[in-house]
């Protein structure tokens, strides 16, 4: 079974986490590994996933500049129970203050 057209390639996910200096793009919690592999080392036992900063429905791409890696609770908070998927919430740069890590400001 191939990847869905809305999924990021693994290399893109890894580069996004590197750009974020190993931090959740939303809350800044350290992330050791993408996916379930990082659960054991995460402060709250959470996995991390790549997420579209701008949803595909609104023209978002699978490019690195649209990829953010966030922990499970940040995904839940951001998607607000799944409304993001159905088009009622549009991501903004301010939703991901750690897009560039701690020392670089978020682009507006």
C-alpha atoms as a PDB file:
ATOM      1  CA  UNK A   1       0.000   0.000   0.000  1.00  0.00           C
ATOM      2  CA  UNK A   2       1.468   3.371  -1.038  1.00  0.00           C
ATOM      3  CA  UNK A   3       1.473   6.659   0.796  1.00  0.00           C
ATOM      4  CA  UNK A   4      -1.599   8.825   0.687  1.00  0.00           C
ATOM      5  CA  UNK A   5      -1.120  11.995  -1.344  1.00  0.00           C
ATOM      6  CA  UNK A   6      -1.492  14.049   1.835  1.00  0.00           C
ATOM      7  CA  UNK A   7       1.409  12.404   3.699  1.00  0.00           C
ATOM      8  CA  UNK A   8       4.890  13.848   4.024  1.00  0.00           C
ATOM      9  CA  UNK A   9       7.899  11.791   2.928  1.00  0.00           C
ATOM     10  CA  UNK A  10       9.966  10.603   5.920  1.00  0.00           C
ATOM     11  CA  UNK A  11      12.939  12.790   4.890  1.00  0.00           C
ATOM     12  CA  UNK A  12      10.697  15.885   4.888  1.00  0.00           C
ATOM     13  CA  UNK A  13       9.474  15.015   8.398  1.00  0.00           C
ATOM     14  CA  UNK A  14      13.049  14.600   9.647  1.00  0.00           C
ATOM     15  CA  UNK A  15      14.144  17.902   8.099  1.00  0.00           C
ATOM     16  CA  UNK A  16      11.162  19.676   9.675  1.00  0.00           C
ATOM     17  CA  UNK A  17      12.082  18.326  13.119  1.00  0.00           C
ATOM     18  CA  UNK A  18      15.695  19.403  12.559  1.00  0.00           C
ATOM     19  CA  UNK A  19      14.523  22.908  11.546  1.00  0.00           C
ATOM     20  CA  UNK A  20      12.446  22.985  14.754  1.00  0.00           C
ATOM     21  CA  UNK A  21      15.575  22.103  16.755  1.00  0.00           C
ATOM     22  CA  UNK A  22      13.925  18.918  18.054  1.00  0.00           C
ATOM     23  CA  UNK A  23      10.937  20.758  19.540  1.00  0.00           C
ATOM     24  CA  UNK A  24       7.202  20.458  18.994  1.00  0.00           C
ATOM     25  CA  UNK A  25       6.321  23.295  16.598  1.00  0.00           C
ATOM     26  CA  UNK A  26       3.290  24.143  18.717  1.00  0.00           C
ATOM     27  CA  UNK A  27       4.195  23.763  22.395  1.00  0.00           C
ATOM     28  CA  UNK A  28       8.007  23.494  22.343  1.00  0.00           C
ATOM     29  CA  UNK A  29       8.159  20.112  24.118  1.00  0.00           C
ATOM     30  CA  UNK A  30      11.332  18.184  23.124  1.00  0.00           C
ATOM     31  CA  UNK A  31      10.762  15.405  20.565  1.00  0.00           C
ATOM     32  CA  UNK A  32      13.362  12.633  20.265  1.00  0.00           C
ATOM     33  CA  UNK A  33      11.784  10.698  17.369  1.00  0.00           C
ATOM     34  CA  UNK A  34       8.868  11.088  14.978  1.00  0.00           C
ATOM     35  CA  UNK A  35       6.032   8.598  15.406  1.00  0.00           C
ATOM     36  CA  UNK A  36       5.569   6.083  18.168  1.00  0.00           C
ATOM     37  CA  UNK A  37       9.342   5.536  18.576  1.00  0.00           C
ATOM     38  CA  UNK A  38       9.663   8.712  20.637  1.00  0.00           C
ATOM     39  CA  UNK A  39       6.893   7.825  23.113  1.00  0.00           C
ATOM     40  CA  UNK A  40       9.189   6.116  25.640  1.00  0.00           C
ATOM     41  CA  UNK A  41      11.527   9.119  25.825  1.00  0.00           C
ATOM     42  CA  UNK A  42       8.876  11.851  25.720  1.00  0.00           C
ATOM     43  CA  UNK A  43       8.151  13.733  28.939  1.00  0.00           C
ATOM     44  CA  UNK A  44       4.450  12.788  28.832  1.00  0.00           C
ATOM     45  CA  UNK A  45       4.713   9.546  26.831  1.00  0.00           C
ATOM     46  CA  UNK A  46       3.404  11.118  23.635  1.00  0.00           C
ATOM     47  CA  UNK A  47       4.219  10.308  20.044  1.00  0.00           C
ATOM     48  CA  UNK A  48       4.834  13.018  17.451  1.00  0.00           C
ATOM     49  CA  UNK A  49       3.511  13.409  13.912  1.00  0.00           C
ATOM     50  CA  UNK A  50       4.096  15.559  10.884  1.00  0.00           C
ATOM     51  CA  UNK A  51       1.202  17.883  10.212  1.00  0.00           C
ATOM     52  CA  UNK A  52       0.354  20.377   7.474  1.00  0.00           C
ATOM     53  CA  UNK A  53       0.650  23.975   8.668  1.00  0.00           C
ATOM     54  CA  UNK A  54      -1.765  24.858   5.859  1.00  0.00           C
ATOM     55  CA  UNK A  55      -4.237  22.065   5.122  1.00  0.00           C
ATOM     56  CA  UNK A  56      -4.163  20.500   1.644  1.00  0.00           C
ATOM     57  CA  UNK A  57      -7.810  21.556   1.152  1.00  0.00           C
ATOM     58  CA  UNK A  58      -6.647  25.167   1.338  1.00  0.00           C
ATOM     59  CA  UNK A  59      -3.713  24.759  -1.044  1.00  0.00           C
ATOM     60  CA  UNK A  60      -1.142  23.400   1.403  1.00  0.00           C
ATOM     61  CA  UNK A  61       1.583  21.202  -0.058  1.00  0.00           C
ATOM     62  CA  UNK A  62       3.722  18.321   1.144  1.00  0.00           C
ATOM     63  CA  UNK A  63       6.807  20.545   0.942  1.00  0.00           C
ATOM     64  CA  UNK A  64       9.132  21.146   3.882  1.00  0.00           C
ATOM     65  CA  UNK A  65       7.921  24.719   4.411  1.00  0.00           C
ATOM     66  CA  UNK A  66       4.394  23.404   5.102  1.00  0.00           C
ATOM     67  CA  UNK A  67       5.475  20.561   7.393  1.00  0.00           C
ATOM     68  CA  UNK A  68       5.401  20.906  11.182  1.00  0.00           C
ATOM     69  CA  UNK A  69       6.123  18.122  13.652  1.00  0.00           C
ATOM     70  CA  UNK A  70       3.901  18.284  16.720  1.00  0.00           C
ATOM     71  CA  UNK A  71       3.119  16.052  19.705  1.00  0.00           C
ATOM     72  CA  UNK A  72      -0.224  14.305  20.142  1.00  0.00           C
ATOM     73  CA  UNK A  73      -1.766  16.817  22.541  1.00  0.00           C
ATOM     74  CA  UNK A  74      -0.781  19.692  20.263  1.00  0.00           C
ATOM     75  CA  UNK A  75      -2.481  17.920  17.353  1.00  0.00           C
ATOM     76  CA  UNK A  76      -5.645  17.523  19.422  1.00  0.00           C
ATOM     77  CA  UNK A  77      -5.561  21.155  20.537  1.00  0.00           C
ATOM     78  CA  UNK A  78      -4.854  22.449  17.035  1.00  0.00           C
ATOM     79  CA  UNK A  79      -7.392  20.325  15.200  1.00  0.00           C
ATOM     80  CA  UNK A  80     -10.051  20.956  17.857  1.00  0.00           C
ATOM     81  CA  UNK A  81     -11.620  17.543  17.649  1.00  0.00           C
ATOM     82  CA  UNK A  82     -11.169  17.078  13.914  1.00  0.00           C
ATOM     83  CA  UNK A  83     -12.681  20.323  12.608  1.00  0.00           C
ATOM     84  CA  UNK A  84      -9.410  21.137  10.821  1.00  0.00           C
ATOM     85  CA  UNK A  85      -9.913  18.093   8.586  1.00  0.00           C
ATOM     86  CA  UNK A  86     -13.385  19.241   7.574  1.00  0.00           C
ATOM     87  CA  UNK A  87     -12.288  22.735   6.663  1.00  0.00           C
ATOM     88  CA  UNK A  88     -13.539  24.862   9.528  1.00  0.00           C
ATOM     89  CA  UNK A  89     -10.088  25.767  10.896  1.00  0.00           C
ATOM     90  CA  UNK A  90      -7.177  27.208   8.920  1.00  0.00           C
ATOM     91  CA  UNK A  91      -3.669  27.007  10.422  1.00  0.00           C
ATOM     92  CA  UNK A  92      -1.808  30.256  10.976  1.00  0.00           C
ATOM     93  CA  UNK A  93       1.936  30.779  11.571  1.00  0.00           C
ATOM     94  CA  UNK A  94       1.117  31.882  15.122  1.00  0.00           C
ATOM     95  CA  UNK A  95      -0.227  28.355  15.798  1.00  0.00           C
ATOM     96  CA  UNK A  96       3.360  27.079  15.509  1.00  0.00           C
ATOM     97  CA  UNK A  97       5.632  29.407  17.527  1.00  0.00           C
ATOM     98  CA  UNK A  98       8.455  26.838  17.492  1.00  0.00           C
ATOM     99  CA  UNK A  99       8.423  26.348  13.706  1.00  0.00           C
ATOM    100  CA  UNK A 100      12.007  27.626  13.653  1.00  0.00           C
ATOM    101  CA  UNK A 101      13.024  26.416  17.118  1.00  0.00           C
ATOM    102  CA  UNK A 102      13.554  28.626  20.141  1.00  0.00           C
ATOM    103  CA  UNK A 103      15.997  31.218  18.846  1.00  0.00           C
ATOM    104  CA  UNK A 104      14.363  32.222  15.580  1.00  0.00           C
ATOM    105  CA  UNK A 105      11.115  34.171  15.318  1.00  0.00           C
ATOM    106  CA  UNK A 106       8.146  32.692  13.487  1.00  0.00           C
ATOM    107  CA  UNK A 107       7.499  34.193  10.047  1.00  0.00           C
ATOM    108  CA  UNK A 108       4.174  36.059   9.903  1.00  0.00           C
END
